[in-house]
């Protein structure tokens, strides 16, 4: 039975598997001195139209966020995030462990940080300095944890408030491909104003492949030490880089994300016609959040459908996530089973 639990349940895309096989021959320099990692950096510079960009491949998303934040802040500083952010809810204190710093929760609108919410936190910190931590980083998620997407205008507004208060911007881009596809803009526009990006490959069709992508040259210095100290420096880096390259070349990452987004929209449209089911947030990427009557949820589970309860969204709330391998037939079967309960 197909799974709507997470895009993490999907396999590697065949192109990624082929790329791994292609670099699995002979000797190559280790720790990032290989030609594959060099090509990854060149490709990312082209993709994001950022000639000074540097990319540091990593193993998983949580550690990628942690090492990126560690390079941006001091232990007496803080990162501003939403209550739904992965760094707040899903990383078992790893960001705090890596940074020694605090996470401050700002009010959000549809899962997105706002300039007003950030201003409020900064003002409160200044009023109580030096007893309160000093805000230093804005961490936003693109697409967000509730499946919404920051527009270019919203990113520009966050950059303006960051500049006004000497803040840096980190983006958790675990599902960046879905956001780029949804917005219909260039990848560079989808990361407007960002200093450091946690670039996601695993949810996009890779396995154990992420990268810290640093746009701000001032943050590149010494990052190789953070990379090593946090246990995220792959010795055989070519195997991580090759996965990301396979997704980037020919815009495969965006093609796969576009398909996942389309399946989420198909699911949304079908659920709209089922009594007792409601979609909680705008469906702008590949995830949607719904309320299901208990009888319906139990029936779907009995039919072996996989999905997660999501208490942060309220009672009887659930998350459904589509991936690059989700098919229209699988969506329609879920809808049929949902409507028959």
C-alpha atoms as a PDB file:
ATOM      1  CA  UNK A   1       0.000   0.000   0.000  1.00  0.00           C
ATOM      2  CA  UNK A   2       1.372   3.469  -0.855  1.00  0.00           C
ATOM      3  CA  UNK A   3       2.322   5.799   1.964  1.00  0.00           C
ATOM      4  CA  UNK A   4       1.237   9.372   2.568  1.00  0.00           C
ATOM      5  CA  UNK A   5       3.164   9.475   5.842  1.00  0.00           C
ATOM      6  CA  UNK A   6       6.227  11.288   4.510  1.00  0.00           C
ATOM      7  CA  UNK A   7       8.329  11.877   1.425  1.00  0.00           C
ATOM      8  CA  UNK A   8      11.076  10.201   3.467  1.00  0.00           C
ATOM      9  CA  UNK A   9       9.371   6.872   2.798  1.00  0.00           C
ATOM     10  CA  UNK A  10      10.099   7.084  -0.940  1.00  0.00           C
ATOM     11  CA  UNK A  11      13.099   5.283  -2.454  1.00  0.00           C
ATOM     12  CA  UNK A  12      16.032   6.842  -4.229  1.00  0.00           C
ATOM     13  CA  UNK A  13      15.231   8.015  -7.727  1.00  0.00           C
ATOM     14  CA  UNK A  14      16.814   5.717 -10.354  1.00  0.00           C
ATOM     15  CA  UNK A  15      18.991   8.586 -11.609  1.00  0.00           C
ATOM     16  CA  UNK A  16      20.444   8.984  -8.111  1.00  0.00           C
ATOM     17  CA  UNK A  17      21.158   5.286  -7.860  1.00  0.00           C
ATOM     18  CA  UNK A  18      22.843   5.377 -11.269  1.00  0.00           C
ATOM     19  CA  UNK A  19      24.943   8.361 -10.228  1.00  0.00           C
ATOM     20  CA  UNK A  20      26.195   6.473  -7.190  1.00  0.00           C
ATOM     21  CA  UNK A  21      27.177   3.541  -9.350  1.00  0.00           C
ATOM     22  CA  UNK A  22      28.957   5.834 -11.822  1.00  0.00           C
ATOM     23  CA  UNK A  23      31.294   7.250  -9.171  1.00  0.00           C
ATOM     24  CA  UNK A  24      31.913   3.869  -7.555  1.00  0.00           C
ATOM     25  CA  UNK A  25      35.026   3.119  -9.572  1.00  0.00           C
ATOM     26  CA  UNK A  26      38.692   3.701  -8.879  1.00  0.00           C
ATOM     27  CA  UNK A  27      40.249   6.168  -6.481  1.00  0.00           C
ATOM     28  CA  UNK A  28      39.207   9.770  -5.880  1.00  0.00           C
ATOM     29  CA  UNK A  29      40.547  12.340  -3.413  1.00  0.00           C
ATOM     30  CA  UNK A  30      38.708  12.371  -0.104  1.00  0.00           C
ATOM     31  CA  UNK A  31      37.038  14.995   2.099  1.00  0.00           C
ATOM     32  CA  UNK A  32      35.697  17.086  -0.773  1.00  0.00           C
ATOM     33  CA  UNK A  33      38.796  17.400  -2.926  1.00  0.00           C
ATOM     34  CA  UNK A  34      37.179  15.182  -5.588  1.00  0.00           C
ATOM     35  CA  UNK A  35      35.984  16.404  -8.975  1.00  0.00           C
ATOM     36  CA  UNK A  36      32.367  15.405  -8.270  1.00  0.00           C
ATOM     37  CA  UNK A  37      32.113  17.789  -5.320  1.00  0.00           C
ATOM     38  CA  UNK A  38      33.808  20.440  -7.436  1.00  0.00           C
ATOM     39  CA  UNK A  39      31.122  19.994 -10.097  1.00  0.00           C
ATOM     40  CA  UNK A  40      28.429  20.162  -7.430  1.00  0.00           C
ATOM     41  CA  UNK A  41      29.684  23.561  -6.322  1.00  0.00           C
ATOM     42  CA  UNK A  42      29.819  24.802  -9.902  1.00  0.00           C
ATOM     43  CA  UNK A  43      26.308  23.531 -10.585  1.00  0.00           C
ATOM     44  CA  UNK A  44      24.857  25.109  -7.458  1.00  0.00           C
ATOM     45  CA  UNK A  45      26.464  28.425  -8.375  1.00  0.00           C
ATOM     46  CA  UNK A  46      24.687  28.265 -11.716  1.00  0.00           C
ATOM     47  CA  UNK A  47      21.379  27.102 -10.248  1.00  0.00           C
ATOM     48  CA  UNK A  48      21.279  29.895  -7.669  1.00  0.00           C
ATOM     49  CA  UNK A  49      23.034  32.511  -9.812  1.00  0.00           C
ATOM     50  CA  UNK A  50      25.532  33.006  -6.977  1.00  0.00           C
ATOM     51  CA  UNK A  51      29.179  32.971  -8.167  1.00  0.00           C
ATOM     52  CA  UNK A  52      30.570  33.178  -4.610  1.00  0.00           C
ATOM     53  CA  UNK A  53      28.462  30.343  -3.214  1.00  0.00           C
ATOM     54  CA  UNK A  54      30.153  27.447  -1.400  1.00  0.00           C
ATOM     55  CA  UNK A  55      28.473  24.124  -0.691  1.00  0.00           C
ATOM     56  CA  UNK A  56      29.374  21.617   2.018  1.00  0.00           C
ATOM     57  CA  UNK A  57      27.696  18.198   1.602  1.00  0.00           C
ATOM     58  CA  UNK A  58      26.243  16.627   4.737  1.00  0.00           C
ATOM     59  CA  UNK A  59      24.459  13.431   5.781  1.00  0.00           C
ATOM     60  CA  UNK A  60      21.037  14.459   7.101  1.00  0.00           C
ATOM     61  CA  UNK A  61      18.733  17.415   7.515  1.00  0.00           C
ATOM     62  CA  UNK A  62      18.790  17.859  11.287  1.00  0.00           C
ATOM     63  CA  UNK A  63      22.576  17.990  11.479  1.00  0.00           C
ATOM     64  CA  UNK A  64      22.656  20.239   8.423  1.00  0.00           C
ATOM     65  CA  UNK A  65      20.460  22.735  10.234  1.00  0.00           C
ATOM     66  CA  UNK A  66      22.538  22.407  13.391  1.00  0.00           C
ATOM     67  CA  UNK A  67      25.929  22.954  11.798  1.00  0.00           C
ATOM     68  CA  UNK A  68      24.603  25.854   9.701  1.00  0.00           C
ATOM     69  CA  UNK A  69      23.233  27.596  12.785  1.00  0.00           C
ATOM     70  CA  UNK A  70      26.401  26.921  14.783  1.00  0.00           C
ATOM     71  CA  UNK A  71      28.407  28.865  12.225  1.00  0.00           C
ATOM     72  CA  UNK A  72      26.039  31.829  12.471  1.00  0.00           C
ATOM     73  CA  UNK A  73      25.696  32.547  16.167  1.00  0.00           C
ATOM     74  CA  UNK A  74      27.211  32.591  19.647  1.00  0.00           C
ATOM     75  CA  UNK A  75      25.883  30.701  22.693  1.00  0.00           C
ATOM     76  CA  UNK A  76      24.378  33.866  24.202  1.00  0.00           C
ATOM     77  CA  UNK A  77      22.432  34.552  21.011  1.00  0.00           C
ATOM     78  CA  UNK A  78      19.162  33.147  19.706  1.00  0.00           C
ATOM     79  CA  UNK A  79      17.476  31.933  16.558  1.00  0.00           C
ATOM     80  CA  UNK A  80      13.927  33.058  15.783  1.00  0.00           C
ATOM     81  CA  UNK A  81      11.602  30.389  14.378  1.00  0.00           C
ATOM     82  CA  UNK A  82       7.945  29.384  14.248  1.00  0.00           C
ATOM     83  CA  UNK A  83       6.333  26.935  16.645  1.00  0.00           C
ATOM     84  CA  UNK A  84       6.070  24.392  13.799  1.00  0.00           C
ATOM     85  CA  UNK A  85       9.709  24.685  12.700  1.00  0.00           C
ATOM     86  CA  UNK A  86      11.673  21.481  12.362  1.00  0.00           C
ATOM     87  CA  UNK A  87      14.452  22.919  14.550  1.00  0.00           C
ATOM     88  CA  UNK A  88      11.870  23.491  17.292  1.00  0.00           C
ATOM     89  CA  UNK A  89       9.790  20.310  17.151  1.00  0.00           C
ATOM     90  CA  UNK A  90      11.623  17.548  15.334  1.00  0.00           C
ATOM     91  CA  UNK A  91      15.327  17.614  16.145  1.00  0.00           C
ATOM     92  CA  UNK A  92      15.448  16.500  19.807  1.00  0.00           C
ATOM     93  CA  UNK A  93      17.337  19.602  20.940  1.00  0.00           C
ATOM     94  CA  UNK A  94      20.073  19.114  18.318  1.00  0.00           C
ATOM     95  CA  UNK A  95      20.212  22.816  17.282  1.00  0.00           C
ATOM     96  CA  UNK A  96      20.573  23.853  20.909  1.00  0.00           C
ATOM     97  CA  UNK A  97      23.207  21.159  21.434  1.00  0.00           C
ATOM     98  CA  UNK A  98      25.214  22.235  18.384  1.00  0.00           C
ATOM     99  CA  UNK A  99      24.955  25.960  19.061  1.00  0.00           C
ATOM    100  CA  UNK A 100      24.514  26.317  22.830  1.00  0.00           C
ATOM    101  CA  UNK A 101      21.963  28.958  21.875  1.00  0.00           C
ATOM    102  CA  UNK A 102      18.241  29.398  22.413  1.00  0.00           C
ATOM    103  CA  UNK A 103      15.288  29.154  20.039  1.00  0.00           C
ATOM    104  CA  UNK A 104      12.746  31.958  20.339  1.00  0.00           C
ATOM    105  CA  UNK A 105       9.262  31.264  18.964  1.00  0.00           C
ATOM    106  CA  UNK A 106       7.686  34.072  16.962  1.00  0.00           C
ATOM    107  CA  UNK A 107       4.026  34.343  15.975  1.00  0.00           C
ATOM    108  CA  UNK A 108       3.400  33.227  12.417  1.00  0.00           C
ATOM    109  CA  UNK A 109       0.870  33.588   9.630  1.00  0.00           C
ATOM    110  CA  UNK A 110       0.045  30.299   7.899  1.00  0.00           C
ATOM    111  CA  UNK A 111       3.292  28.810   9.174  1.00  0.00           C
ATOM    112  CA  UNK A 112       5.402  31.746   7.996  1.00  0.00           C
ATOM    113  CA  UNK A 113       7.401  34.237  10.028  1.00  0.00           C
ATOM    114  CA  UNK A 114       6.371  37.877   9.721  1.00  0.00           C
ATOM    115  CA  UNK A 115       8.382  41.098  10.087  1.00  0.00           C
ATOM    116  CA  UNK A 116       6.034  42.208  12.857  1.00  0.00           C
ATOM    117  CA  UNK A 117       6.611  39.052  14.876  1.00  0.00           C
ATOM    118  CA  UNK A 118      10.373  39.375  14.544  1.00  0.00           C
ATOM    119  CA  UNK A 119      10.269  43.053  15.517  1.00  0.00           C
ATOM    120  CA  UNK A 120       8.392  42.128  18.676  1.00  0.00           C
ATOM    121  CA  UNK A 121      11.004  39.594  19.738  1.00  0.00           C
ATOM    122  CA  UNK A 122      13.921  41.923  18.973  1.00  0.00           C
ATOM    123  CA  UNK A 123      12.313  44.763  20.949  1.00  0.00           C
ATOM    124  CA  UNK A 124      11.720  42.525  23.961  1.00  0.00           C
ATOM    125  CA  UNK A 125      15.313  41.342  23.931  1.00  0.00           C
ATOM    126  CA  UNK A 126      16.709  44.858  23.739  1.00  0.00           C
ATOM    127  CA  UNK A 127      14.507  45.992  26.615  1.00  0.00           C
ATOM    128  CA  UNK A 128      15.960  43.261  28.839  1.00  0.00           C
ATOM    129  CA  UNK A 129      19.602  43.227  27.699  1.00  0.00           C
ATOM    130  CA  UNK A 130      21.972  41.777  28.796  1.00  0.00           C
ATOM    131  CA  UNK A 131      19.710  39.446  30.774  1.00  0.00           C
ATOM    132  CA  UNK A 132      17.867  38.148  27.724  1.00  0.00           C
ATOM    133  CA  UNK A 133      19.528  36.332  24.851  1.00  0.00           C
ATOM    134  CA  UNK A 134      20.309  38.458  21.809  1.00  0.00           C
ATOM    135  CA  UNK A 135      18.447  37.481  18.610  1.00  0.00           C
ATOM    136  CA  UNK A 136      20.904  36.804  15.800  1.00  0.00           C
ATOM    137  CA  UNK A 137      19.339  34.432  13.251  1.00  0.00           C
ATOM    138  CA  UNK A 138      15.978  34.207  11.554  1.00  0.00           C
ATOM    139  CA  UNK A 139      15.340  30.584  10.588  1.00  0.00           C
ATOM    140  CA  UNK A 140      12.581  30.071   8.060  1.00  0.00           C
ATOM    141  CA  UNK A 141      11.408  26.935   6.282  1.00  0.00           C
ATOM    142  CA  UNK A 142      10.740  26.826   2.526  1.00  0.00           C
ATOM    143  CA  UNK A 143       8.285  25.180   1.977  1.00  0.00           C
ATOM    144  CA  UNK A 144       6.957  25.447   5.523  1.00  0.00           C
ATOM    145  CA  UNK A 145       6.130  22.642   7.901  1.00  0.00           C
ATOM    146  CA  UNK A 146       2.414  23.102   7.118  1.00  0.00           C
ATOM    147  CA  UNK A 147       2.872  23.062   3.361  1.00  0.00           C
ATOM    148  CA  UNK A 148       2.737  26.770   2.628  1.00  0.00           C
ATOM    149  CA  UNK A 149       5.339  28.743   0.691  1.00  0.00           C
ATOM    150  CA  UNK A 150       7.054  32.103   1.243  1.00  0.00           C
ATOM    151  CA  UNK A 151       6.561  34.433  -1.714  1.00  0.00           C
ATOM    152  CA  UNK A 152       9.484  36.468  -3.016  1.00  0.00           C
ATOM    153  CA  UNK A 153       7.890  39.596  -1.532  1.00  0.00           C
ATOM    154  CA  UNK A 154       7.650  37.938   1.890  1.00  0.00           C
ATOM    155  CA  UNK A 155      11.307  36.935   1.723  1.00  0.00           C
ATOM    156  CA  UNK A 156      12.274  40.485   0.794  1.00  0.00           C
ATOM    157  CA  UNK A 157      10.337  41.815   3.782  1.00  0.00           C
ATOM    158  CA  UNK A 158      12.170  39.441   6.120  1.00  0.00           C
ATOM    159  CA  UNK A 159      15.506  40.505   4.644  1.00  0.00           C
ATOM    160  CA  UNK A 160      14.615  44.137   5.312  1.00  0.00           C
ATOM    161  CA  UNK A 161      13.875  43.489   8.988  1.00  0.00           C
ATOM    162  CA  UNK A 162      17.037  41.373   9.257  1.00  0.00           C
ATOM    163  CA  UNK A 163      19.136  44.213   7.879  1.00  0.00           C
ATOM    164  CA  UNK A 164      17.490  46.689  10.246  1.00  0.00           C
ATOM    165  CA  UNK A 165      18.548  44.646  13.277  1.00  0.00           C
ATOM    166  CA  UNK A 166      21.830  43.056  12.144  1.00  0.00           C
ATOM    167  CA  UNK A 167      20.278  39.601  11.865  1.00  0.00           C
ATOM    168  CA  UNK A 168      21.247  36.717   9.599  1.00  0.00           C
ATOM    169  CA  UNK A 169      18.811  34.470   7.723  1.00  0.00           C
ATOM    170  CA  UNK A 170      18.970  30.683   7.667  1.00  0.00           C
ATOM    171  CA  UNK A 171      16.611  28.707   5.460  1.00  0.00           C
ATOM    172  CA  UNK A 172      15.646  25.111   6.127  1.00  0.00           C
ATOM    173  CA  UNK A 173      15.225  23.947   2.536  1.00  0.00           C
ATOM    174  CA  UNK A 174      14.406  20.292   3.126  1.00  0.00           C
ATOM    175  CA  UNK A 175      11.564  20.759   0.624  1.00  0.00           C
ATOM    176  CA  UNK A 176      12.978  23.692  -1.298  1.00  0.00           C
ATOM    177  CA  UNK A 177      12.343  21.958  -4.627  1.00  0.00           C
ATOM    178  CA  UNK A 178       8.626  21.858  -3.868  1.00  0.00           C
ATOM    179  CA  UNK A 179       8.640  25.564  -3.056  1.00  0.00           C
ATOM    180  CA  UNK A 180      10.507  26.518  -6.240  1.00  0.00           C
ATOM    181  CA  UNK A 181       8.095  24.472  -8.337  1.00  0.00           C
ATOM    182  CA  UNK A 182       5.079  25.929  -6.560  1.00  0.00           C
ATOM    183  CA  UNK A 183       6.220  29.535  -6.908  1.00  0.00           C
ATOM    184  CA  UNK A 184       7.149  29.191 -10.556  1.00  0.00           C
ATOM    185  CA  UNK A 185      10.216  31.352 -10.005  1.00  0.00           C
ATOM    186  CA  UNK A 186      13.938  30.719 -10.322  1.00  0.00           C
ATOM    187  CA  UNK A 187      15.734  28.927  -7.474  1.00  0.00           C
ATOM    188  CA  UNK A 188      17.621  32.131  -6.728  1.00  0.00           C
ATOM    189  CA  UNK A 189      14.349  34.020  -6.194  1.00  0.00           C
ATOM    190  CA  UNK A 190      13.031  31.307  -3.876  1.00  0.00           C
ATOM    191  CA  UNK A 191      16.004  31.912  -1.534  1.00  0.00           C
ATOM    192  CA  UNK A 192      15.939  35.721  -1.716  1.00  0.00           C
ATOM    193  CA  UNK A 193      17.905  37.306   1.128  1.00  0.00           C
ATOM    194  CA  UNK A 194      19.174  34.028   2.588  1.00  0.00           C
ATOM    195  CA  UNK A 195      22.678  33.860   4.106  1.00  0.00           C
ATOM    196  CA  UNK A 196      22.864  30.086   4.636  1.00  0.00           C
ATOM    197  CA  UNK A 197      20.638  27.412   3.127  1.00  0.00           C
ATOM    198  CA  UNK A 198      20.125  23.860   4.356  1.00  0.00           C
ATOM    199  CA  UNK A 199      19.709  22.341   0.904  1.00  0.00           C
ATOM    200  CA  UNK A 200      17.513  19.246   0.934  1.00  0.00           C
ATOM    201  CA  UNK A 201      18.196  16.223  -1.221  1.00  0.00           C
ATOM    202  CA  UNK A 202      16.794  13.304   0.761  1.00  0.00           C
ATOM    203  CA  UNK A 203      13.108  14.242   0.497  1.00  0.00           C
ATOM    204  CA  UNK A 204      13.659  15.179  -3.150  1.00  0.00           C
ATOM    205  CA  UNK A 205      14.776  11.695  -4.199  1.00  0.00           C
ATOM    206  CA  UNK A 206      18.243  11.123  -2.728  1.00  0.00           C
ATOM    207  CA  UNK A 207      19.379   9.134   0.302  1.00  0.00           C
ATOM    208  CA  UNK A 208      21.577  10.629   3.044  1.00  0.00           C
ATOM    209  CA  UNK A 209      22.371  13.664   0.898  1.00  0.00           C
ATOM    210  CA  UNK A 210      22.005  17.265   2.027  1.00  0.00           C
ATOM    211  CA  UNK A 211      24.282  20.293   1.907  1.00  0.00           C
ATOM    212  CA  UNK A 212      24.991  23.516   3.731  1.00  0.00           C
ATOM    213  CA  UNK A 213      24.976  26.146   0.976  1.00  0.00           C
ATOM    214  CA  UNK A 214      26.572  29.427   2.042  1.00  0.00           C
ATOM    215  CA  UNK A 215      25.679  32.525   0.043  1.00  0.00           C
ATOM    216  CA  UNK A 216      27.195  35.050   2.464  1.00  0.00           C
ATOM    217  CA  UNK A 217      30.991  35.067   1.908  1.00  0.00           C
ATOM    218  CA  UNK A 218      31.525  36.349   5.435  1.00  0.00           C
ATOM    219  CA  UNK A 219      30.157  33.080   6.828  1.00  0.00           C
ATOM    220  CA  UNK A 220      32.305  30.818   4.659  1.00  0.00           C
ATOM    221  CA  UNK A 221      35.485  31.441   6.601  1.00  0.00           C
ATOM    222  CA  UNK A 222      36.238  28.610   9.014  1.00  0.00           C
ATOM    223  CA  UNK A 223      33.137  26.663   8.011  1.00  0.00           C
ATOM    224  CA  UNK A 224      35.242  23.660   7.088  1.00  0.00           C
ATOM    225  CA  UNK A 225      36.095  23.425  10.790  1.00  0.00           C
ATOM    226  CA  UNK A 226      32.422  23.470  11.784  1.00  0.00           C
ATOM    227  CA  UNK A 227      31.795  20.875   9.082  1.00  0.00           C
ATOM    228  CA  UNK A 228      34.356  18.562  10.646  1.00  0.00           C
ATOM    229  CA  UNK A 229      33.693  19.311  14.310  1.00  0.00           C
ATOM    230  CA  UNK A 230      29.976  18.546  13.985  1.00  0.00           C
ATOM    231  CA  UNK A 231      30.610  15.142  12.407  1.00  0.00           C
ATOM    232  CA  UNK A 232      29.184  16.113   9.030  1.00  0.00           C
ATOM    233  CA  UNK A 233      32.315  15.927   6.873  1.00  0.00           C
ATOM    234  CA  UNK A 234      31.996  12.817   4.642  1.00  0.00           C
ATOM    235  CA  UNK A 235      35.332  11.184   3.897  1.00  0.00           C
ATOM    236  CA  UNK A 236      34.009   9.724   0.624  1.00  0.00           C
ATOM    237  CA  UNK A 237      32.211  12.948  -0.207  1.00  0.00           C
ATOM    238  CA  UNK A 238      31.789  12.071  -3.877  1.00  0.00           C
ATOM    239  CA  UNK A 239      28.950   9.695  -2.957  1.00  0.00           C
ATOM    240  CA  UNK A 240      26.952  12.486  -1.320  1.00  0.00           C
ATOM    241  CA  UNK A 241      27.787  15.030  -4.024  1.00  0.00           C
ATOM    242  CA  UNK A 242      26.875  12.623  -6.819  1.00  0.00           C
ATOM    243  CA  UNK A 243      23.362  12.209  -5.438  1.00  0.00           C
ATOM    244  CA  UNK A 244      22.757  15.951  -5.330  1.00  0.00           C
ATOM    245  CA  UNK A 245      24.241  16.425  -8.793  1.00  0.00           C
ATOM    246  CA  UNK A 246      21.914  13.782 -10.214  1.00  0.00           C
ATOM    247  CA  UNK A 247      18.932  15.737  -8.912  1.00  0.00           C
ATOM    248  CA  UNK A 248      20.185  19.126 -10.067  1.00  0.00           C
ATOM    249  CA  UNK A 249      21.325  18.228 -13.567  1.00  0.00           C
ATOM    250  CA  UNK A 250      18.542  18.651 -16.091  1.00  0.00           C
ATOM    251  CA  UNK A 251      16.348  20.153 -13.330  1.00  0.00           C
ATOM    252  CA  UNK A 252      15.264  16.686 -12.222  1.00  0.00           C
ATOM    253  CA  UNK A 253      14.702  17.984  -8.662  1.00  0.00           C
ATOM    254  CA  UNK A 254      12.097  20.438  -9.939  1.00  0.00           C
ATOM    255  CA  UNK A 255      10.429  17.902 -12.217  1.00  0.00           C
ATOM    256  CA  UNK A 256      10.012  15.471  -9.324  1.00  0.00           C
ATOM    257  CA  UNK A 257       8.781  18.222  -6.999  1.00  0.00           C
ATOM    258  CA  UNK A 258       6.258  19.394  -9.588  1.00  0.00           C
ATOM    259  CA  UNK A 259       4.813  15.891  -9.742  1.00  0.00           C
ATOM    260  CA  UNK A 260       4.580  15.607  -5.942  1.00  0.00           C
ATOM    261  CA  UNK A 261       2.882  19.006  -5.746  1.00  0.00           C
ATOM    262  CA  UNK A 262       0.397  18.001  -8.448  1.00  0.00           C
ATOM    263  CA  UNK A 263      -0.515  14.847  -6.529  1.00  0.00           C
ATOM    264  CA  UNK A 264      -1.114  16.941  -3.401  1.00  0.00           C
ATOM    265  CA  UNK A 265      -3.460  19.216  -5.345  1.00  0.00           C
ATOM    266  CA  UNK A 266      -5.298  16.177  -6.705  1.00  0.00           C
ATOM    267  CA  UNK A 267      -5.682  14.884  -3.169  1.00  0.00           C
ATOM    268  CA  UNK A 268      -6.946  18.270  -1.986  1.00  0.00           C
ATOM    269  CA  UNK A 269      -9.524  18.480  -4.759  1.00  0.00           C
ATOM    270  CA  UNK A 270     -10.847  15.005  -3.997  1.00  0.00           C
ATOM    271  CA  UNK A 271     -11.056  15.543  -0.246  1.00  0.00           C
ATOM    272  CA  UNK A 272     -13.092  18.713  -0.763  1.00  0.00           C
ATOM    273  CA  UNK A 273     -16.058  16.594  -1.817  1.00  0.00           C
ATOM    274  CA  UNK A 274     -16.077  14.250   1.184  1.00  0.00           C
ATOM    275  CA  UNK A 275     -18.418  15.034   4.090  1.00  0.00           C
ATOM    276  CA  UNK A 276     -16.735  15.677   7.424  1.00  0.00           C
ATOM    277  CA  UNK A 277     -13.292  16.184   5.915  1.00  0.00           C
ATOM    278  CA  UNK A 278     -11.692  19.615   5.853  1.00  0.00           C
ATOM    279  CA  UNK A 279      -8.363  20.908   4.572  1.00  0.00           C
ATOM    280  CA  UNK A 280      -6.794  23.138   7.213  1.00  0.00           C
ATOM    281  CA  UNK A 281      -4.237  25.218   5.310  1.00  0.00           C
ATOM    282  CA  UNK A 282      -3.610  26.334   1.732  1.00  0.00           C
ATOM    283  CA  UNK A 283      -2.022  23.487  -0.246  1.00  0.00           C
ATOM    284  CA  UNK A 284       0.980  25.138  -1.891  1.00  0.00           C
ATOM    285  CA  UNK A 285       3.546  22.335  -2.005  1.00  0.00           C
ATOM    286  CA  UNK A 286       3.424  18.567  -1.502  1.00  0.00           C
ATOM    287  CA  UNK A 287       1.912  18.345   1.977  1.00  0.00           C
ATOM    288  CA  UNK A 288      -1.602  18.921   3.200  1.00  0.00           C
ATOM    289  CA  UNK A 289      -3.188  18.925   6.622  1.00  0.00           C
ATOM    290  CA  UNK A 290      -6.727  17.720   7.138  1.00  0.00           C
ATOM    291  CA  UNK A 291      -9.248  16.901   9.808  1.00  0.00           C
ATOM    292  CA  UNK A 292     -10.761  13.438   9.526  1.00  0.00           C
ATOM    293  CA  UNK A 293     -13.679  12.111  11.557  1.00  0.00           C
ATOM    294  CA  UNK A 294     -12.388   9.327  13.847  1.00  0.00           C
ATOM    295  CA  UNK A 295     -14.379   6.686  11.962  1.00  0.00           C
ATOM    296  CA  UNK A 296     -12.834   7.774   8.648  1.00  0.00           C
ATOM    297  CA  UNK A 297      -9.279   7.817  10.046  1.00  0.00           C
ATOM    298  CA  UNK A 298      -9.736   4.385  11.599  1.00  0.00           C
ATOM    299  CA  UNK A 299     -11.139   2.999   8.361  1.00  0.00           C
ATOM    300  CA  UNK A 300      -8.224   4.326   6.341  1.00  0.00           C
ATOM    301  CA  UNK A 301      -5.756   2.850   8.797  1.00  0.00           C
ATOM    302  CA  UNK A 302      -7.578  -0.489   8.654  1.00  0.00           C
ATOM    303  CA  UNK A 303      -7.209  -0.356   4.868  1.00  0.00           C
ATOM    304  CA  UNK A 304      -3.422  -0.049   5.414  1.00  0.00           C
ATOM    305  CA  UNK A 305      -3.088   3.588   4.374  1.00  0.00           C
ATOM    306  CA  UNK A 306      -0.145   5.305   6.075  1.00  0.00           C
ATOM    307  CA  UNK A 307      -0.333   8.889   7.379  1.00  0.00           C
ATOM    308  CA  UNK A 308       0.542  10.782  10.535  1.00  0.00           C
ATOM    309  CA  UNK A 309      -1.678  12.349  13.207  1.00  0.00           C
ATOM    310  CA  UNK A 310      -0.688  15.995  13.649  1.00  0.00           C
ATOM    311  CA  UNK A 311      -1.765  17.312  17.041  1.00  0.00           C
ATOM    312  CA  UNK A 312      -0.156  20.716  16.451  1.00  0.00           C
ATOM    313  CA  UNK A 313      -2.951  21.385  13.948  1.00  0.00           C
ATOM    314  CA  UNK A 314      -5.713  20.454  16.402  1.00  0.00           C
ATOM    315  CA  UNK A 315      -7.956  17.536  17.271  1.00  0.00           C
ATOM    316  CA  UNK A 316      -8.453  14.842  14.626  1.00  0.00           C
ATOM    317  CA  UNK A 317      -5.823  16.518  12.429  1.00  0.00           C
ATOM    318  CA  UNK A 318      -3.565  14.541  10.113  1.00  0.00           C
ATOM    319  CA  UNK A 319      -0.738  15.189   7.677  1.00  0.00           C
ATOM    320  CA  UNK A 320      -0.670  13.728   4.166  1.00  0.00           C
ATOM    321  CA  UNK A 321       2.523  14.031   2.109  1.00  0.00           C
ATOM    322  CA  UNK A 322       3.007  13.185  -1.560  1.00  0.00           C
ATOM    323  CA  UNK A 323       6.356  12.257  -3.077  1.00  0.00           C
ATOM    324  CA  UNK A 324       7.850  11.842  -6.515  1.00  0.00           C
ATOM    325  CA  UNK A 325       6.584   8.250  -6.682  1.00  0.00           C
ATOM    326  CA  UNK A 326       2.992   9.009  -5.639  1.00  0.00           C
ATOM    327  CA  UNK A 327       0.654   8.102  -8.485  1.00  0.00           C
ATOM    328  CA  UNK A 328      -2.761   9.393  -9.468  1.00  0.00           C
ATOM    329  CA  UNK A 329      -4.136   5.887  -8.968  1.00  0.00           C
ATOM    330  CA  UNK A 330      -2.831   5.821  -5.397  1.00  0.00           C
ATOM    331  CA  UNK A 331      -4.399   9.195  -4.656  1.00  0.00           C
ATOM    332  CA  UNK A 332      -7.717   8.064  -6.135  1.00  0.00           C
ATOM    333  CA  UNK A 333      -7.658   4.850  -4.085  1.00  0.00           C
ATOM    334  CA  UNK A 334      -7.097   6.853  -0.896  1.00  0.00           C
ATOM    335  CA  UNK A 335      -9.996   9.131  -1.821  1.00  0.00           C
ATOM    336  CA  UNK A 336     -12.262   6.181  -2.623  1.00  0.00           C
ATOM    337  CA  UNK A 337     -11.445   4.523   0.696  1.00  0.00           C
ATOM    338  CA  UNK A 338     -11.899   7.819   2.512  1.00  0.00           C
ATOM    339  CA  UNK A 339     -15.335   8.402   0.986  1.00  0.00           C
ATOM    340  CA  UNK A 340     -16.533   4.874   1.688  1.00  0.00           C
ATOM    341  CA  UNK A 341     -16.166   5.097   5.462  1.00  0.00           C
END
